[in-house]
Amino acid sequence: MTVVDRSFFHRYLDAWGARDVDALLAFFTDDIAFRDTTTGHGATGTTKMRRFVEASFASYPDSRFELRSHVCDAGSFAMEWVMHPAGINGVSFGRIVDGRIAEQRDYWDGRVLP
């Protein structure tokens, strides 16, 4: 069982905004299963996750994330966020193992894509 605090999610979203691929990958387990349900894209494992992250940074070069709320209980988590400057609202659900994200599914409003 792993429960992380609010600062974990702030640091995680800050890593997305900083566009630091290595710092971001440190949040994931080696067998990460990541799915962006809005676009239908995702990645399994750190090699594919690195490519996904790099493509995301190229697609949204000015993005940063604001954490609105989160819950984490017995290794499962949910967080609500806003991607700025576009104002895209989204939520992520997943599982944390040994203090790292092992699974994440993102759901966000694709109607506001640039």
N, C-alpha and C. Protein backbone atom coordinates (compact mmCIF):
# COMPACT_ATOMS: atom_id res chain seq x y z
N MET A 1 0.85 -1.18 0.00
CA MET A 1 0.00 0.00 0.00
C MET A 1 0.89 1.24 0.00
N THR A 2 0.58 2.16 -0.91
CA THR A 2 1.31 3.41 -1.00
C THR A 2 0.34 4.57 -1.02
N VAL A 3 0.53 5.49 -0.12
CA VAL A 3 -0.24 6.72 -0.13
C VAL A 3 0.77 7.86 -0.21
N VAL A 4 0.55 8.77 -1.15
CA VAL A 4 1.45 9.92 -1.27
C VAL A 4 0.67 11.19 -0.93
N ASP A 5 1.41 12.23 -0.58
CA ASP A 5 0.75 13.47 -0.18
C ASP A 5 0.62 14.45 -1.36
N ARG A 6 0.01 15.58 -1.07
CA ARG A 6 -0.26 16.59 -2.09
C ARG A 6 1.03 17.06 -2.77
N SER A 7 2.12 17.15 -2.02
CA SER A 7 3.36 17.63 -2.62
C SER A 7 3.86 16.72 -3.74
N PHE A 8 3.59 15.43 -3.65
CA PHE A 8 3.95 14.49 -4.71
C PHE A 8 3.30 14.91 -6.02
N PHE A 9 2.00 15.21 -5.98
CA PHE A 9 1.28 15.58 -7.19
C PHE A 9 1.71 16.95 -7.71
N HIS A 10 2.02 17.88 -6.80
CA HIS A 10 2.56 19.18 -7.24
C HIS A 10 3.90 18.99 -7.95
N ARG A 11 4.79 18.21 -7.37
CA ARG A 11 6.10 17.97 -7.99
C ARG A 11 5.94 17.27 -9.34
N TYR A 12 5.03 16.34 -9.41
CA TYR A 12 4.77 15.61 -10.65
C TYR A 12 4.29 16.55 -11.76
N LEU A 13 3.29 17.36 -11.46
CA LEU A 13 2.77 18.28 -12.47
C LEU A 13 3.79 19.36 -12.80
N ASP A 14 4.60 19.78 -11.83
CA ASP A 14 5.67 20.74 -12.10
C ASP A 14 6.69 20.16 -13.07
N ALA A 15 6.97 18.87 -12.97
CA ALA A 15 7.92 18.22 -13.89
C ALA A 15 7.38 18.25 -15.32
N TRP A 16 6.07 18.08 -15.49
CA TRP A 16 5.49 18.23 -16.83
C TRP A 16 5.71 19.65 -17.35
N GLY A 17 5.45 20.64 -16.50
CA GLY A 17 5.60 22.04 -16.90
C GLY A 17 7.04 22.45 -17.17
N ALA A 18 7.98 21.82 -16.48
CA ALA A 18 9.40 22.15 -16.65
C ALA A 18 10.00 21.50 -17.90
N ARG A 19 9.28 20.57 -18.50
CA ARG A 19 9.74 19.84 -19.69
C ARG A 19 11.07 19.12 -19.45
N ASP A 20 11.20 18.58 -18.25
CA ASP A 20 12.39 17.81 -17.89
C ASP A 20 12.04 16.33 -17.98
N VAL A 21 12.39 15.72 -19.10
CA VAL A 21 12.00 14.34 -19.38
C VAL A 21 12.50 13.40 -18.30
N ASP A 22 13.77 13.51 -17.93
CA ASP A 22 14.33 12.59 -16.93
C ASP A 22 13.67 12.76 -15.56
N ALA A 23 13.42 13.99 -15.16
CA ALA A 23 12.75 14.23 -13.88
C ALA A 23 11.35 13.63 -13.90
N LEU A 24 10.67 13.78 -15.01
CA LEU A 24 9.32 13.25 -15.13
C LEU A 24 9.32 11.72 -15.12
N LEU A 25 10.23 11.11 -15.84
CA LEU A 25 10.29 9.65 -15.89
C LEU A 25 10.59 9.04 -14.52
N ALA A 26 11.24 9.80 -13.65
CA ALA A 26 11.54 9.30 -12.30
C ALA A 26 10.27 9.08 -11.48
N PHE A 27 9.16 9.67 -11.89
CA PHE A 27 7.89 9.47 -11.19
C PHE A 27 7.22 8.15 -11.55
N PHE A 28 7.68 7.49 -12.62
CA PHE A 28 7.03 6.29 -13.12
C PHE A 28 7.80 5.02 -12.79
N THR A 29 7.07 3.93 -12.62
CA THR A 29 7.70 2.62 -12.50
C THR A 29 8.24 2.23 -13.88
N ASP A 30 9.15 1.26 -13.91
CA ASP A 30 9.72 0.83 -15.18
C ASP A 30 8.68 0.25 -16.13
N ASP A 31 7.60 -0.29 -15.58
CA ASP A 31 6.55 -0.89 -16.42
C ASP A 31 5.30 0.00 -16.50
N ILE A 32 5.48 1.31 -16.41
CA ILE A 32 4.37 2.25 -16.44
C ILE A 32 3.40 1.91 -17.57
N ALA A 33 2.12 2.00 -17.26
CA ALA A 33 1.05 1.86 -18.27
C ALA A 33 0.29 3.18 -18.27
N PHE A 34 0.51 3.98 -19.29
CA PHE A 34 -0.04 5.34 -19.37
C PHE A 34 -0.99 5.40 -20.56
N ARG A 35 -2.15 6.02 -20.35
CA ARG A 35 -3.14 6.13 -21.43
C ARG A 35 -3.78 7.51 -21.42
N ASP A 36 -3.67 8.21 -22.54
CA ASP A 36 -4.37 9.47 -22.74
C ASP A 36 -5.65 9.10 -23.50
N THR A 37 -6.74 9.01 -22.79
CA THR A 37 -7.98 8.52 -23.40
C THR A 37 -8.57 9.48 -24.43
N THR A 38 -8.31 10.77 -24.28
CA THR A 38 -8.86 11.75 -25.22
C THR A 38 -8.24 11.59 -26.60
N THR A 39 -6.94 11.42 -26.65
CA THR A 39 -6.26 11.29 -27.94
C THR A 39 -6.14 9.84 -28.39
N GLY A 40 -6.32 8.92 -27.47
CA GLY A 40 -6.15 7.50 -27.80
C GLY A 40 -4.70 7.06 -27.81
N HIS A 41 -3.80 7.92 -27.36
CA HIS A 41 -2.38 7.58 -27.32
C HIS A 41 -1.99 7.11 -25.92
N GLY A 42 -0.87 6.44 -25.84
CA GLY A 42 -0.38 6.01 -24.55
C GLY A 42 0.97 5.35 -24.69
N ALA A 43 1.42 4.77 -23.60
CA ALA A 43 2.74 4.14 -23.59
C ALA A 43 2.78 3.09 -22.49
N THR A 44 3.56 2.06 -22.75
CA THR A 44 3.83 1.04 -21.74
C THR A 44 5.34 0.88 -21.64
N GLY A 45 5.87 1.05 -20.43
CA GLY A 45 7.31 0.96 -20.22
C GLY A 45 7.98 2.30 -20.41
N THR A 46 9.17 2.44 -19.82
CA THR A 46 9.83 3.75 -19.82
C THR A 46 10.33 4.20 -21.19
N THR A 47 10.73 3.27 -22.05
CA THR A 47 11.20 3.67 -23.38
C THR A 47 10.08 4.32 -24.18
N LYS A 48 8.92 3.68 -24.19
CA LYS A 48 7.78 4.25 -24.91
C LYS A 48 7.25 5.50 -24.20
N MET A 49 7.33 5.49 -22.88
CA MET A 49 6.87 6.66 -22.12
C MET A 49 7.75 7.87 -22.43
N ARG A 50 9.05 7.66 -22.58
CA ARG A 50 9.95 8.76 -22.95
C ARG A 50 9.51 9.36 -24.28
N ARG A 51 9.22 8.53 -25.26
CA ARG A 51 8.78 9.03 -26.57
C ARG A 51 7.45 9.79 -26.45
N PHE A 52 6.53 9.25 -25.63
CA PHE A 52 5.25 9.91 -25.42
C PHE A 52 5.44 11.29 -24.80
N VAL A 53 6.28 11.36 -23.78
CA VAL A 53 6.55 12.63 -23.09
C VAL A 53 7.18 13.63 -24.06
N GLU A 54 8.17 13.21 -24.81
CA GLU A 54 8.82 14.11 -25.77
C GLU A 54 7.84 14.62 -26.81
N ALA A 55 6.94 13.76 -27.29
CA ALA A 55 5.93 14.18 -28.25
C ALA A 55 4.95 15.16 -27.61
N SER A 56 4.60 14.92 -26.36
CA SER A 56 3.69 15.84 -25.65
C SER A 56 4.32 17.21 -25.49
N PHE A 57 5.60 17.24 -25.13
CA PHE A 57 6.30 18.51 -24.98
C PHE A 57 6.34 19.27 -26.31
N ALA A 58 6.55 18.54 -27.41
CA ALA A 58 6.58 19.19 -28.72
C ALA A 58 5.20 19.71 -29.12
N SER A 59 4.15 18.98 -28.77
CA SER A 59 2.79 19.38 -29.13
C SER A 59 2.26 20.54 -28.29
N TYR A 60 2.67 20.59 -27.04
CA TYR A 60 2.18 21.61 -26.10
C TYR A 60 3.37 22.29 -25.42
N PRO A 61 4.16 23.06 -26.18
CA PRO A 61 5.42 23.58 -25.65
C PRO A 61 5.29 24.60 -24.51
N ASP A 62 4.15 25.24 -24.39
CA ASP A 62 4.00 26.27 -23.36
C ASP A 62 3.12 25.80 -22.20
N SER A 63 2.83 24.52 -22.14
CA SER A 63 1.87 24.05 -21.13
C SER A 63 2.49 23.99 -19.74
N ARG A 64 1.63 24.24 -18.76
CA ARG A 64 1.94 24.03 -17.35
C ARG A 64 0.65 23.59 -16.70
N PHE A 65 0.76 22.95 -15.56
CA PHE A 65 -0.40 22.34 -14.92
C PHE A 65 -0.65 22.89 -13.53
N GLU A 66 -1.92 23.09 -13.23
CA GLU A 66 -2.37 23.52 -11.92
C GLU A 66 -3.13 22.36 -11.29
N LEU A 67 -2.72 21.95 -10.11
CA LEU A 67 -3.42 20.90 -9.37
C LEU A 67 -4.63 21.51 -8.69
N ARG A 68 -5.80 20.98 -8.96
CA ARG A 68 -7.03 21.46 -8.32
C ARG A 68 -7.35 20.64 -7.08
N SER A 69 -7.31 19.32 -7.21
CA SER A 69 -7.60 18.45 -6.07
C SER A 69 -7.00 17.08 -6.33
N HIS A 70 -6.91 16.29 -5.27
CA HIS A 70 -6.41 14.93 -5.43
C HIS A 70 -6.91 14.08 -4.28
N VAL A 71 -6.91 12.77 -4.51
CA VAL A 71 -7.12 11.78 -3.46
C VAL A 71 -6.16 10.64 -3.74
N CYS A 72 -5.70 10.03 -2.67
CA CYS A 72 -4.82 8.88 -2.80
C CYS A 72 -5.08 7.98 -1.61
N ASP A 73 -5.47 6.76 -1.88
CA ASP A 73 -5.83 5.83 -0.82
C ASP A 73 -5.43 4.42 -1.23
N ALA A 74 -4.59 3.80 -0.43
CA ALA A 74 -4.18 2.40 -0.65
C ALA A 74 -3.59 2.18 -2.05
N GLY A 75 -2.88 3.17 -2.55
CA GLY A 75 -2.20 3.00 -3.82
C GLY A 75 -2.95 3.48 -5.04
N SER A 76 -4.23 3.79 -4.91
CA SER A 76 -4.99 4.35 -6.02
C SER A 76 -5.04 5.86 -5.87
N PHE A 77 -5.05 6.56 -7.01
CA PHE A 77 -5.12 8.01 -6.92
C PHE A 77 -6.05 8.58 -7.98
N ALA A 78 -6.49 9.78 -7.71
CA ALA A 78 -7.21 10.61 -8.68
C ALA A 78 -6.76 12.04 -8.45
N MET A 79 -6.58 12.78 -9.52
CA MET A 79 -6.27 14.20 -9.38
C MET A 79 -6.98 14.97 -10.48
N GLU A 80 -7.42 16.14 -10.10
CA GLU A 80 -8.07 17.07 -11.02
C GLU A 80 -7.06 18.18 -11.31
N TRP A 81 -6.92 18.53 -12.58
CA TRP A 81 -5.94 19.53 -12.97
C TRP A 81 -6.47 20.41 -14.09
N VAL A 82 -5.76 21.51 -14.30
CA VAL A 82 -6.02 22.42 -15.42
C VAL A 82 -4.70 22.62 -16.14
N MET A 83 -4.73 22.45 -17.47
CA MET A 83 -3.54 22.71 -18.28
C MET A 83 -3.65 24.14 -18.80
N HIS A 84 -2.67 24.96 -18.45
CA HIS A 84 -2.61 26.35 -18.89
C HIS A 84 -1.58 26.47 -20.00
N PRO A 85 -1.64 27.42 -20.88
CA PRO A 85 -2.55 28.55 -20.89
C PRO A 85 -3.89 28.25 -21.56
N ALA A 86 -4.10 27.06 -22.08
CA ALA A 86 -5.32 26.76 -22.82
C ALA A 86 -6.56 26.61 -21.94
N GLY A 87 -6.37 26.43 -20.63
CA GLY A 87 -7.51 26.26 -19.73
C GLY A 87 -8.20 24.93 -19.89
N ILE A 88 -7.45 23.89 -20.22
CA ILE A 88 -8.02 22.55 -20.43
C ILE A 88 -8.17 21.86 -19.08
N ASN A 89 -9.41 21.48 -18.76
CA ASN A 89 -9.70 20.76 -17.52
C ASN A 89 -9.54 19.27 -17.75
N GLY A 90 -8.92 18.60 -16.76
CA GLY A 90 -8.75 17.16 -16.88
C GLY A 90 -8.65 16.47 -15.54
N VAL A 91 -8.74 15.16 -15.59
CA VAL A 91 -8.54 14.33 -14.41
C VAL A 91 -7.65 13.16 -14.79
N SER A 92 -6.92 12.69 -13.83
CA SER A 92 -6.08 11.51 -13.99
C SER A 92 -6.44 10.52 -12.89
N PHE A 93 -6.49 9.27 -13.27
CA PHE A 93 -6.72 8.18 -12.33
C PHE A 93 -5.58 7.19 -12.49
N GLY A 94 -5.20 6.54 -11.39
CA GLY A 94 -4.13 5.58 -11.54
C GLY A 94 -3.80 4.83 -10.27
N ARG A 95 -2.62 4.24 -10.33
CA ARG A 95 -2.16 3.38 -9.24
C ARG A 95 -0.70 3.74 -8.95
N ILE A 96 -0.38 3.77 -7.67
CA ILE A 96 0.98 4.07 -7.23
C ILE A 96 1.55 2.85 -6.53
N VAL A 97 2.77 2.49 -6.89
CA VAL A 97 3.46 1.35 -6.29
C VAL A 97 4.82 1.83 -5.81
N ASP A 98 5.11 1.62 -4.55
CA ASP A 98 6.40 2.02 -3.97
C ASP A 98 6.75 3.47 -4.26
N GLY A 99 5.74 4.34 -4.17
CA GLY A 99 5.98 5.76 -4.32
C GLY A 99 6.13 6.26 -5.74
N ARG A 100 5.83 5.40 -6.72
CA ARG A 100 5.93 5.80 -8.13
C ARG A 100 4.65 5.44 -8.87
N ILE A 101 4.34 6.15 -9.92
CA ILE A 101 3.13 5.90 -10.70
C ILE A 101 3.34 4.67 -11.58
N ALA A 102 2.48 3.67 -11.39
CA ALA A 102 2.56 2.43 -12.16
C ALA A 102 1.52 2.41 -13.28
N GLU A 103 0.46 3.16 -13.09
CA GLU A 103 -0.62 3.21 -14.09
C GLU A 103 -1.28 4.57 -14.00
N GLN A 104 -1.57 5.16 -15.18
CA GLN A 104 -2.27 6.44 -15.21
C GLN A 104 -3.14 6.51 -16.45
N ARG A 105 -4.37 6.96 -16.24
CA ARG A 105 -5.32 7.20 -17.32
C ARG A 105 -5.77 8.65 -17.22
N ASP A 106 -5.60 9.40 -18.31
CA ASP A 106 -5.98 10.81 -18.34
C ASP A 106 -7.26 10.98 -19.15
N TYR A 107 -8.12 11.86 -18.65
CA TYR A 107 -9.37 12.23 -19.30
C TYR A 107 -9.43 13.75 -19.29
N TRP A 108 -9.56 14.35 -20.46
CA TRP A 108 -9.61 15.81 -20.52
C TRP A 108 -10.48 16.26 -21.68
N ASP A 109 -10.85 17.53 -21.64
CA ASP A 109 -11.77 18.11 -22.61
C ASP A 109 -11.05 18.40 -23.91
N GLY A 110 -11.21 17.53 -24.88
CA GLY A 110 -10.55 17.69 -26.16
C GLY A 110 -11.20 18.72 -27.08
N ARG A 111 -12.33 19.28 -26.68
CA ARG A 111 -13.00 20.29 -27.52
C ARG A 111 -12.21 21.59 -27.56
N VAL A 112 -11.27 21.77 -26.65
CA VAL A 112 -10.52 23.03 -26.61
C VAL A 112 -9.11 22.88 -27.15
N LEU A 113 -8.86 21.84 -27.94
CA LEU A 113 -7.54 21.67 -28.52
C LEU A 113 -7.20 22.84 -29.44
N PRO A 114 -5.93 23.26 -29.38
CA PRO A 114 -5.53 24.39 -30.25
C PRO A 114 -5.59 24.02 -31.72
